Amino acid sequence: MTAEPSGEVVESPVLDDIDARPGSTASLLRTIVGLYLRPLGGWISAADLVSLAGDLGIPTAQARTGITRLKQKGLLLAERAHAVGYRVNPDAFTMLERGDRRIFEMREMTDADSWCLISFSIPESARSIRHQLRRRLQWIGAGVVSPALWICPGHLQDEVVEIVAELDARAWVTLFQAGAPTTPRTLPQAAAEWWDLDALRDEHLAFQQSLAALPDEAFAAYVRLIDSWRVLPYIDPGLPPSMLPADWPGGRSYAEFAHLSSTLADAAWQHVRELTGAVAAEAARS
């Protein structure tokens, strides 16, 4: 994503991490791509990608349409090797690596951890940049203290710096490292004003309910698990317990995801390797 001199923002051709709705064909295909194409060497045949989509219950025609859309978004590049296939766009690697960290290394804050404050004053002539900055801060789990002052965990500061740089908004944004906030309200009351904790609670409960519907087969179960989970590590900042209600469901979500992920991951990867011929290729080289 870049900013034109006029202040208009030009979207990057690579689909944002969280733009596709979980459970949709586009989202499930993106999850397959994010999980498996890099360990497969970055390339997969069209037939194998369609077959993996079929294992998730996606009809062939629908899968091909979804793949075409991922090409249009710039996530996949058409490339023929020994067959017609697709390679991950090198421009998407940073996004995918960021997603890996969020999905598999979600962090919960403690009271001793620092915060990052984001203060900005963006002129009306660059209002599209202001809109994109607010949108992207929201999608990394930042809270709104006031329209021009946002707050997020200190460990996300590098992501904020990346966002500001990508939007070419450095001239209008100031970042501060801060300790625990002091407010006239209790910390849970302040957190409920800065973040939509009711909506976050609903997302956690929806994730927990989705686990009952996971398929029996390991590959399908694992991909759908990751697909259902992947938005939560973005929109939930992992607030310290002192800022959350006593019955907060986040801990249960983290624990269930970690358990199921570790249980299903190896069998799912084995399925992908067998279907794509990676197992046979490894045996031939040995």
C-alpha atoms as a PDB file:
ATOM      1  CA  MET A   1       0.000   0.000   0.000  1.00  0.00           C
ATOM      2  CA  THR A   2       1.411   3.398  -0.962  1.00  0.00           C
ATOM      3  CA  ALA A   3       0.298   6.996  -0.706  1.00  0.00           C
ATOM      4  CA  GLU A   4       0.100   9.280  -3.718  1.00  0.00           C
ATOM      5  CA  PRO A   5       1.123  12.952  -3.383  1.00  0.00           C
ATOM      6  CA  SER A   6      -2.565  13.873  -3.469  1.00  0.00           C
ATOM      7  CA  GLY A   7      -3.076  11.931  -0.249  1.00  0.00           C
ATOM      8  CA  GLU A   8      -5.009   9.154  -1.966  1.00  0.00           C
ATOM      9  CA  VAL A   9      -3.994   5.660  -0.869  1.00  0.00           C
ATOM     10  CA  VAL A  10      -3.290   3.043  -3.502  1.00  0.00           C
ATOM     11  CA  GLU A  11      -3.985  -0.472  -2.257  1.00  0.00           C
ATOM     12  CA  SER A  12      -1.237  -3.050  -2.497  1.00  0.00           C
ATOM     13  CA  PRO A  13      -2.119  -5.868  -4.921  1.00  0.00           C
ATOM     14  CA  VAL A  14      -1.583  -8.410  -2.134  1.00  0.00           C
ATOM     15  CA  LEU A  15      -4.738  -9.159  -0.176  1.00  0.00           C
ATOM     16  CA  ASP A  16      -4.505  -7.981   3.427  1.00  0.00           C
ATOM     17  CA  ASP A  17      -4.126 -10.633   6.113  1.00  0.00           C
ATOM     18  CA  ILE A  18      -7.649 -10.335   7.429  1.00  0.00           C
ATOM     19  CA  ASP A  19      -9.706  -9.143   4.459  1.00  0.00           C
ATOM     20  CA  ALA A  20     -11.234 -12.513   3.571  1.00  0.00           C
ATOM     21  CA  ARG A  21     -14.116 -13.727   5.753  1.00  0.00           C
ATOM     22  CA  PRO A  22     -13.198 -16.905   7.700  1.00  0.00           C
ATOM     23  CA  GLY A  23     -14.999 -19.946   6.328  1.00  0.00           C
ATOM     24  CA  SER A  24     -15.292 -18.481   2.830  1.00  0.00           C
ATOM     25  CA  THR A  25     -13.636 -20.118  -0.163  1.00  0.00           C
ATOM     26  CA  ALA A  26     -11.148 -17.228  -0.431  1.00  0.00           C
ATOM     27  CA  SER A  27     -10.253 -17.489   3.241  1.00  0.00           C
ATOM     28  CA  LEU A  28      -9.808 -21.270   3.224  1.00  0.00           C
ATOM     29  CA  LEU A  29      -7.633 -21.114   0.110  1.00  0.00           C
ATOM     30  CA  ARG A  30      -5.541 -18.360   1.679  1.00  0.00           C
ATOM     31  CA  THR A  31      -5.134 -20.527   4.763  1.00  0.00           C
ATOM     32  CA  ILE A  32      -3.892 -23.440   2.628  1.00  0.00           C
ATOM     33  CA  VAL A  33      -1.471 -21.124   0.826  1.00  0.00           C
ATOM     34  CA  GLY A  34      -0.216 -19.573   4.064  1.00  0.00           C
ATOM     35  CA  LEU A  35       0.282 -22.901   5.805  1.00  0.00           C
ATOM     36  CA  TYR A  36       1.760 -25.076   3.080  1.00  0.00           C
ATOM     37  CA  LEU A  37       3.161 -23.415  -0.026  1.00  0.00           C
ATOM     38  CA  ARG A  38       6.318 -22.112   1.638  1.00  0.00           C
ATOM     39  CA  PRO A  39       7.310 -25.481   3.170  1.00  0.00           C
ATOM     40  CA  LEU A  40       6.533 -27.057  -0.224  1.00  0.00           C
ATOM     41  CA  GLY A  41       9.125 -24.773  -1.811  1.00  0.00           C
ATOM     42  CA  GLY A  42       6.734 -21.960  -2.718  1.00  0.00           C
ATOM     43  CA  TRP A  43       5.007 -23.741  -5.623  1.00  0.00           C
ATOM     44  CA  ILE A  44       2.026 -26.093  -6.022  1.00  0.00           C
ATOM     45  CA  SER A  45       0.327 -27.552  -9.073  1.00  0.00           C
ATOM     46  CA  ALA A  46      -3.136 -26.280  -9.924  1.00  0.00           C
ATOM     47  CA  ALA A  47      -4.512 -29.814  -9.706  1.00  0.00           C
ATOM     48  CA  ASP A  48      -3.103 -30.367  -6.207  1.00  0.00           C
ATOM     49  CA  LEU A  49      -4.399 -27.034  -4.925  1.00  0.00           C
ATOM     50  CA  VAL A  50      -7.867 -27.816  -6.259  1.00  0.00           C
ATOM     51  CA  SER A  51      -7.655 -31.282  -4.713  1.00  0.00           C
ATOM     52  CA  LEU A  52      -6.738 -29.850  -1.298  1.00  0.00           C
ATOM     53  CA  ALA A  53      -9.666 -27.444  -1.588  1.00  0.00           C
ATOM     54  CA  GLY A  54     -11.857 -30.452  -2.354  1.00  0.00           C
ATOM     55  CA  ASP A  55     -10.742 -32.031   0.908  1.00  0.00           C
ATOM     56  CA  LEU A  56     -12.350 -29.025   2.589  1.00  0.00           C
ATOM     57  CA  GLY A  57     -15.621 -29.568   0.742  1.00  0.00           C
ATOM     58  CA  ILE A  58     -15.040 -26.840  -1.852  1.00  0.00           C
ATOM     59  CA  PRO A  59     -16.374 -27.857  -5.308  1.00  0.00           C
ATOM     60  CA  THR A  60     -13.853 -27.811  -8.168  1.00  0.00           C
ATOM     61  CA  ALA A  61     -15.420 -24.904 -10.077  1.00  0.00           C
ATOM     62  CA  GLN A  62     -15.681 -22.838  -6.904  1.00  0.00           C
ATOM     63  CA  ALA A  63     -12.067 -23.611  -6.008  1.00  0.00           C
ATOM     64  CA  ARG A  64     -10.832 -22.545  -9.449  1.00  0.00           C
ATOM     65  CA  THR A  65     -12.760 -19.286  -9.186  1.00  0.00           C
ATOM     66  CA  GLY A  66     -11.289 -18.679  -5.731  1.00  0.00           C
ATOM     67  CA  ILE A  67      -7.768 -19.359  -6.990  1.00  0.00           C
ATOM     68  CA  THR A  68      -8.301 -16.891  -9.838  1.00  0.00           C
ATOM     69  CA  ARG A  69      -9.281 -14.252  -7.312  1.00  0.00           C
ATOM     70  CA  LEU A  70      -6.133 -14.903  -5.275  1.00  0.00           C
ATOM     71  CA  LYS A  71      -4.137 -14.382  -8.470  1.00  0.00           C
ATOM     72  CA  GLN A  72      -5.965 -11.101  -9.092  1.00  0.00           C
ATOM     73  CA  LYS A  73      -5.173 -10.001  -5.544  1.00  0.00           C
ATOM     74  CA  GLY A  74      -1.509 -10.783  -6.145  1.00  0.00           C
ATOM     75  CA  LEU A  75      -1.084 -13.519  -3.541  1.00  0.00           C
ATOM     76  CA  LEU A  76      -0.410 -16.199  -6.182  1.00  0.00           C
ATOM     77  CA  LEU A  77       1.520 -16.005  -9.433  1.00  0.00           C
ATOM     78  CA  ALA A  78       0.852 -18.448 -12.268  1.00  0.00           C
ATOM     79  CA  GLU A  79       3.976 -20.507 -12.983  1.00  0.00           C
ATOM     80  CA  ARG A  80       4.422 -23.706 -14.968  1.00  0.00           C
ATOM     81  CA  ALA A  81       6.951 -26.235 -13.666  1.00  0.00           C
ATOM     82  CA  HIS A  82       6.311 -29.882 -14.529  1.00  0.00           C
ATOM     83  CA  ALA A  83       2.622 -28.888 -14.639  1.00  0.00           C
ATOM     84  CA  VAL A  84       0.422 -25.799 -14.545  1.00  0.00           C
ATOM     85  CA  GLY A  85       0.688 -24.312 -11.091  1.00  0.00           C
ATOM     86  CA  TYR A  86       1.110 -21.351  -8.801  1.00  0.00           C
ATOM     87  CA  ARG A  87       3.906 -19.738  -6.814  1.00  0.00           C
ATOM     88  CA  VAL A  88       3.535 -17.514  -3.773  1.00  0.00           C
ATOM     89  CA  ASN A  89       4.196 -13.915  -4.724  1.00  0.00           C
ATOM     90  CA  PRO A  90       7.505 -12.915  -3.069  1.00  0.00           C
ATOM     91  CA  ASP A  91       5.859  -9.585  -2.173  1.00  0.00           C
ATOM     92  CA  ALA A  92       3.475 -11.522   0.100  1.00  0.00           C
ATOM     93  CA  PHE A  93       6.166 -13.151   2.247  1.00  0.00           C
ATOM     94  CA  THR A  94       6.317 -10.333   4.801  1.00  0.00           C
ATOM     95  CA  MET A  95       2.550 -10.487   5.233  1.00  0.00           C
ATOM     96  CA  LEU A  96       2.591 -14.287   5.586  1.00  0.00           C
ATOM     97  CA  GLU A  97       5.445 -14.207   8.099  1.00  0.00           C
ATOM     98  CA  ARG A  98       3.588 -11.584  10.113  1.00  0.00           C
ATOM     99  CA  GLY A  99       0.557 -13.867  10.053  1.00  0.00           C
ATOM    100  CA  ASP A 100       2.658 -16.796  11.299  1.00  0.00           C
ATOM    101  CA  ARG A 101       3.780 -14.774  14.297  1.00  0.00           C
ATOM    102  CA  ARG A 102       0.278 -13.645  15.111  1.00  0.00           C
ATOM    103  CA  ILE A 103      -1.401 -17.027  14.677  1.00  0.00           C
ATOM    104  CA  PHE A 104       1.142 -19.254  16.393  1.00  0.00           C
ATOM    105  CA  GLU A 105       2.846 -16.883  18.844  1.00  0.00           C
ATOM    106  CA  MET A 106      -0.019 -14.850  20.274  1.00  0.00           C
ATOM    107  CA  ARG A 107       1.134 -12.936  23.344  1.00  0.00           C
ATOM    108  CA  GLU A 108      -0.748 -12.009  26.494  1.00  0.00           C
ATOM    109  CA  MET A 109       0.425  -8.896  28.296  1.00  0.00           C
ATOM    110  CA  THR A 110       1.362  -8.663  31.956  1.00  0.00           C
ATOM    111  CA  ASP A 111       1.039  -5.562  34.121  1.00  0.00           C
ATOM    112  CA  ALA A 112       4.796  -5.018  33.777  1.00  0.00           C
ATOM    113  CA  ASP A 113       4.729  -4.837  29.960  1.00  0.00           C
ATOM    114  CA  SER A 114       4.993  -1.525  28.141  1.00  0.00           C
ATOM    115  CA  TRP A 115       2.435   0.122  25.882  1.00  0.00           C
ATOM    116  CA  CYS A 116       2.774   1.948  22.594  1.00  0.00           C
ATOM    117  CA  LEU A 117       0.831   5.204  22.209  1.00  0.00           C
ATOM    118  CA  ILE A 118       0.106   6.417  18.674  1.00  0.00           C
ATOM    119  CA  SER A 119      -0.639  10.120  18.343  1.00  0.00           C
ATOM    120  CA  PHE A 120      -1.453  11.574  14.944  1.00  0.00           C
ATOM    121  CA  SER A 121      -2.704  14.762  13.343  1.00  0.00           C
ATOM    122  CA  ILE A 122      -3.371  14.195   9.654  1.00  0.00           C
ATOM    123  CA  PRO A 123      -4.675  17.060   7.495  1.00  0.00           C
ATOM    124  CA  GLU A 124      -7.983  16.870   5.699  1.00  0.00           C
ATOM    125  CA  SER A 125      -6.117  16.830   2.389  1.00  0.00           C
ATOM    126  CA  ALA A 126      -4.823  13.368   3.394  1.00  0.00           C
ATOM    127  CA  ARG A 127      -8.075  12.058   4.887  1.00  0.00           C
ATOM    128  CA  SER A 128      -7.801   8.765   2.985  1.00  0.00           C
ATOM    129  CA  ILE A 129      -4.490   8.105   4.765  1.00  0.00           C
ATOM    130  CA  ARG A 130      -6.144   8.945   8.080  1.00  0.00           C
ATOM    131  CA  HIS A 131      -8.923   6.465   7.294  1.00  0.00           C
ATOM    132  CA  GLN A 132      -6.457   3.724   6.348  1.00  0.00           C
ATOM    133  CA  LEU A 133      -4.319   4.358   9.427  1.00  0.00           C
ATOM    134  CA  ARG A 134      -7.316   4.006  11.739  1.00  0.00           C
ATOM    135  CA  ARG A 135      -8.496   0.908   9.901  1.00  0.00           C
ATOM    136  CA  ARG A 136      -5.126  -0.796  10.111  1.00  0.00           C
ATOM    137  CA  LEU A 137      -4.552   0.141  13.742  1.00  0.00           C
ATOM    138  CA  GLN A 138      -7.916  -1.400  14.545  1.00  0.00           C
ATOM    139  CA  TRP A 139      -6.888  -4.594  12.754  1.00  0.00           C
ATOM    140  CA  ILE A 140      -3.758  -5.020  14.872  1.00  0.00           C
ATOM    141  CA  GLY A 141      -5.814  -4.744  18.054  1.00  0.00           C
ATOM    142  CA  ALA A 142      -5.145  -1.104  18.959  1.00  0.00           C
ATOM    143  CA  GLY A 143      -7.608   0.675  21.235  1.00  0.00           C
ATOM    144  CA  VAL A 144      -9.024   4.174  20.829  1.00  0.00           C
ATOM    145  CA  VAL A 145      -8.251   6.528  23.719  1.00  0.00           C
ATOM    146  CA  SER A 146      -9.406   9.485  21.593  1.00  0.00           C
ATOM    147  CA  PRO A 147      -9.836   9.922  17.813  1.00  0.00           C
ATOM    148  CA  ALA A 148      -6.179  10.976  17.447  1.00  0.00           C
ATOM    149  CA  LEU A 149      -4.631   8.894  20.244  1.00  0.00           C
ATOM    150  CA  TRP A 150      -4.532   5.106  20.031  1.00  0.00           C
ATOM    151  CA  ILE A 151      -2.950   2.509  22.307  1.00  0.00           C
ATOM    152  CA  CYS A 152      -1.576  -0.985  21.702  1.00  0.00           C
ATOM    153  CA  PRO A 153       0.798  -3.433  23.425  1.00  0.00           C
ATOM    154  CA  GLY A 154       4.418  -2.334  23.268  1.00  0.00           C
ATOM    155  CA  HIS A 155       5.454  -5.504  21.450  1.00  0.00           C
ATOM    156  CA  LEU A 156       3.354  -4.364  18.465  1.00  0.00           C
ATOM    157  CA  GLN A 157       5.287  -1.120  18.004  1.00  0.00           C
ATOM    158  CA  ASP A 158       7.316  -2.533  15.104  1.00  0.00           C
ATOM    159  CA  GLU A 159       4.058  -3.339  13.291  1.00  0.00           C
ATOM    160  CA  VAL A 160       2.841   0.207  13.895  1.00  0.00           C
ATOM    161  CA  VAL A 161       6.099   1.538  12.442  1.00  0.00           C
ATOM    162  CA  GLU A 162       5.584  -0.663   9.356  1.00  0.00           C
ATOM    163  CA  ILE A 163       2.018   0.574   8.915  1.00  0.00           C
ATOM    164  CA  VAL A 164       3.039   4.216   9.216  1.00  0.00           C
ATOM    165  CA  ALA A 165       5.865   3.709   6.720  1.00  0.00           C
ATOM    166  CA  GLU A 166       3.656   1.875   4.222  1.00  0.00           C
ATOM    167  CA  LEU A 167       1.137   4.734   4.374  1.00  0.00           C
ATOM    168  CA  ASP A 168       3.918   7.352   4.100  1.00  0.00           C
ATOM    169  CA  ALA A 169       2.439   8.993   7.199  1.00  0.00           C
ATOM    170  CA  ARG A 170       5.638   9.541   9.215  1.00  0.00           C
ATOM    171  CA  ALA A 171       5.271  13.347   9.134  1.00  0.00           C
ATOM    172  CA  TRP A 172       1.961  13.159  10.982  1.00  0.00           C
ATOM    173  CA  VAL A 173       2.493  10.346  13.525  1.00  0.00           C
ATOM    174  CA  THR A 174       4.349  10.285  16.855  1.00  0.00           C
ATOM    175  CA  LEU A 175       4.906   7.110  18.868  1.00  0.00           C
ATOM    176  CA  PHE A 176       5.523   6.886  22.616  1.00  0.00           C
ATOM    177  CA  GLN A 177       6.557   4.002  24.848  1.00  0.00           C
ATOM    178  CA  ALA A 178       4.530   4.119  28.057  1.00  0.00           C
ATOM    179  CA  GLY A 179       3.976   2.280  31.309  1.00  0.00           C
ATOM    180  CA  ALA A 180       0.646   1.326  32.838  1.00  0.00           C
ATOM    181  CA  PRO A 181      -2.046   3.947  32.153  1.00  0.00           C
ATOM    182  CA  THR A 182      -3.468   5.987  35.026  1.00  0.00           C
ATOM    183  CA  THR A 183      -7.107   6.961  34.593  1.00  0.00           C
ATOM    184  CA  PRO A 184      -9.946   8.287  36.786  1.00  0.00           C
ATOM    185  CA  ARG A 185     -11.706   4.963  36.119  1.00  0.00           C
ATOM    186  CA  THR A 186     -10.678   1.438  36.978  1.00  0.00           C
ATOM    187  CA  LEU A 187      -8.481  -0.294  34.409  1.00  0.00           C
ATOM    188  CA  PRO A 188     -11.298  -2.658  33.320  1.00  0.00           C
ATOM    189  CA  GLN A 189     -13.586   0.348  32.815  1.00  0.00           C
ATOM    190  CA  ALA A 190     -10.930   2.129  30.772  1.00  0.00           C
ATOM    191  CA  ALA A 191     -10.281  -0.978  28.669  1.00  0.00           C
ATOM    192  CA  ALA A 192     -14.010  -1.325  27.975  1.00  0.00           C
ATOM    193  CA  GLU A 193     -13.992   2.261  26.629  1.00  0.00           C
ATOM    194  CA  TRP A 194     -10.854   1.871  24.525  1.00  0.00           C
ATOM    195  CA  TRP A 195     -11.695  -1.553  23.071  1.00  0.00           C
ATOM    196  CA  ASP A 196     -15.014  -3.159  22.134  1.00  0.00           C
ATOM    197  CA  LEU A 197     -14.703  -5.962  24.671  1.00  0.00           C
ATOM    198  CA  ASP A 198     -18.270  -7.157  24.064  1.00  0.00           C
ATOM    199  CA  ALA A 199     -17.499  -7.764  20.392  1.00  0.00           C
ATOM    200  CA  LEU A 200     -14.211  -9.461  21.319  1.00  0.00           C
ATOM    201  CA  ARG A 201     -16.029 -11.720  23.770  1.00  0.00           C
ATOM    202  CA  ASP A 202     -18.479 -12.696  21.019  1.00  0.00           C
ATOM    203  CA  GLU A 203     -15.577 -13.547  18.700  1.00  0.00           C
ATOM    204  CA  HIS A 204     -14.005 -15.801  21.332  1.00  0.00           C
ATOM    205  CA  LEU A 205     -17.285 -17.571  22.043  1.00  0.00           C
ATOM    206  CA  ALA A 206     -17.947 -18.040  18.313  1.00  0.00           C
ATOM    207  CA  PHE A 207     -14.475 -19.572  17.916  1.00  0.00           C
ATOM    208  CA  GLN A 208     -15.067 -21.943  20.813  1.00  0.00           C
ATOM    209  CA  GLN A 209     -18.426 -22.990  19.376  1.00  0.00           C
ATOM    210  CA  SER A 210     -16.843 -23.614  15.950  1.00  0.00           C
ATOM    211  CA  LEU A 211     -14.600 -26.308  17.428  1.00  0.00           C
ATOM    212  CA  ALA A 212     -17.544 -28.668  17.844  1.00  0.00           C
ATOM    213  CA  ALA A 213     -18.040 -28.654  14.063  1.00  0.00           C
ATOM    214  CA  LEU A 214     -14.459 -29.527  13.066  1.00  0.00           C
ATOM    215  CA  PRO A 215     -14.274 -32.469  10.632  1.00  0.00           C
ATOM    216  CA  ASP A 216     -12.860 -35.819  11.692  1.00  0.00           C
ATOM    217  CA  GLU A 217     -10.113 -35.855   9.039  1.00  0.00           C
ATOM    218  CA  ALA A 218      -6.928 -34.170  10.290  1.00  0.00           C
ATOM    219  CA  PHE A 219      -6.169 -31.991   7.263  1.00  0.00           C
ATOM    220  CA  ALA A 220      -9.664 -30.544   6.974  1.00  0.00           C
ATOM    221  CA  ALA A 221      -9.899 -30.101  10.742  1.00  0.00           C
ATOM    222  CA  TYR A 222      -6.545 -28.326  10.963  1.00  0.00           C
ATOM    223  CA  VAL A 223      -7.148 -25.926   8.084  1.00  0.00           C
ATOM    224  CA  ARG A 224     -10.599 -25.025   9.400  1.00  0.00           C
ATOM    225  CA  LEU A 225      -9.167 -24.590  12.907  1.00  0.00           C
ATOM    226  CA  ILE A 226      -6.538 -22.135  11.659  1.00  0.00           C
ATOM    227  CA  ASP A 227      -9.086 -20.390   9.449  1.00  0.00           C
ATOM    228  CA  SER A 228     -11.500 -19.922  12.356  1.00  0.00           C
ATOM    229  CA  TRP A 229      -8.749 -18.736  14.690  1.00  0.00           C
ATOM    230  CA  ARG A 230      -6.677 -16.471  12.465  1.00  0.00           C
ATOM    231  CA  VAL A 231      -8.668 -13.251  12.971  1.00  0.00           C
ATOM    232  CA  LEU A 232      -8.641 -13.410  16.785  1.00  0.00           C
ATOM    233  CA  PRO A 233      -4.877 -12.852  17.228  1.00  0.00           C
ATOM    234  CA  TYR A 234      -5.245  -9.652  15.198  1.00  0.00           C
ATOM    235  CA  ILE A 235      -8.260  -8.054  16.847  1.00  0.00           C
ATOM    236  CA  ASP A 236      -7.533  -9.239  20.412  1.00  0.00           C
ATOM    237  CA  PRO A 237      -4.540  -7.303  21.802  1.00  0.00           C
ATOM    238  CA  GLY A 238      -3.981  -9.805  24.628  1.00  0.00           C
ATOM    239  CA  LEU A 239      -4.718  -7.365  27.438  1.00  0.00           C
ATOM    240  CA  PRO A 240      -3.349  -8.120  30.916  1.00  0.00           C
ATOM    241  CA  PRO A 241      -5.791  -9.860  33.297  1.00  0.00           C
ATOM    242  CA  SER A 242      -6.006  -6.707  35.441  1.00  0.00           C
ATOM    243  CA  MET A 243      -7.820  -4.963  32.559  1.00  0.00           C
ATOM    244  CA  LEU A 244     -10.282  -7.750  31.796  1.00  0.00           C
ATOM    245  CA  PRO A 245     -13.458  -9.113  33.414  1.00  0.00           C
ATOM    246  CA  ALA A 246     -12.944 -12.146  35.633  1.00  0.00           C
ATOM    247  CA  ASP A 247     -14.932 -14.369  33.261  1.00  0.00           C
ATOM    248  CA  TRP A 248     -12.968 -13.356  30.146  1.00  0.00           C
ATOM    249  CA  PRO A 249     -13.046 -16.264  27.614  1.00  0.00           C
ATOM    250  CA  GLY A 250      -9.693 -15.525  25.965  1.00  0.00           C
ATOM    251  CA  GLY A 251      -7.670 -17.951  28.059  1.00  0.00           C
ATOM    252  CA  ARG A 252      -9.898 -20.854  27.103  1.00  0.00           C
ATOM    253  CA  SER A 253      -9.652 -19.943  23.412  1.00  0.00           C
ATOM    254  CA  TYR A 254      -5.843 -19.825  23.557  1.00  0.00           C
ATOM    255  CA  ALA A 255      -5.635 -23.144  25.394  1.00  0.00           C
ATOM    256  CA  GLU A 256      -8.028 -24.975  23.068  1.00  0.00           C
ATOM    257  CA  PHE A 257      -6.331 -23.608  19.969  1.00  0.00           C
ATOM    258  CA  ALA A 258      -2.882 -24.609  21.213  1.00  0.00           C
ATOM    259  CA  HIS A 259      -4.037 -28.122  22.100  1.00  0.00           C
ATOM    260  CA  LEU A 260      -5.860 -28.795  18.833  1.00  0.00           C
ATOM    261  CA  SER A 261      -3.150 -27.201  16.715  1.00  0.00           C
ATOM    262  CA  SER A 262      -0.428 -29.394  18.219  1.00  0.00           C
ATOM    263  CA  THR A 263      -2.665 -32.478  17.897  1.00  0.00           C
ATOM    264  CA  LEU A 264      -3.595 -31.991  14.233  1.00  0.00           C
ATOM    265  CA  ALA A 265      -0.628 -30.233  12.591  1.00  0.00           C
ATOM    266  CA  ASP A 266       1.653 -33.200  11.847  1.00  0.00           C
ATOM    267  CA  ALA A 267      -1.059 -35.431  10.375  1.00  0.00           C
ATOM    268  CA  ALA A 268      -2.347 -32.554   8.242  1.00  0.00           C
ATOM    269  CA  TRP A 269       1.148 -31.835   6.885  1.00  0.00           C
ATOM    270  CA  GLN A 270       1.661 -35.511   6.128  1.00  0.00           C
ATOM    271  CA  HIS A 271      -1.554 -35.494   4.081  1.00  0.00           C
ATOM    272  CA  VAL A 272      -0.338 -32.492   2.069  1.00  0.00           C
ATOM    273  CA  ARG A 273       3.058 -34.074   1.447  1.00  0.00           C
ATOM    274  CA  GLU A 274       1.483 -37.312   0.234  1.00  0.00           C
ATOM    275  CA  LEU A 275      -1.049 -35.595  -2.022  1.00  0.00           C
ATOM    276  CA  THR A 276       1.521 -33.285  -3.628  1.00  0.00           C
ATOM    277  CA  GLY A 277       4.112 -36.012  -4.073  1.00  0.00           C
ATOM    278  CA  ALA A 278       6.547 -34.427  -1.633  1.00  0.00           C
ATOM    279  CA  VAL A 279       6.937 -37.744   0.186  1.00  0.00           C
ATOM    280  CA  ALA A 280       7.793 -39.583  -3.024  1.00  0.00           C
ATOM    281  CA  ALA A 281      10.224 -36.856  -4.087  1.00  0.00           C
ATOM    282  CA  GLU A 282      12.012 -37.038  -0.749  1.00  0.00           C
ATOM    283  CA  ALA A 283      12.247 -40.834  -1.010  1.00  0.00           C
ATOM    284  CA  ALA A 284      13.700 -40.559  -4.526  1.00  0.00           C
ATOM    285  CA  ARG A 285      16.399 -38.144  -3.338  1.00  0.00           C
ATOM    286  CA  SER A 286      17.387 -40.317  -0.382  1.00  0.00           C
END
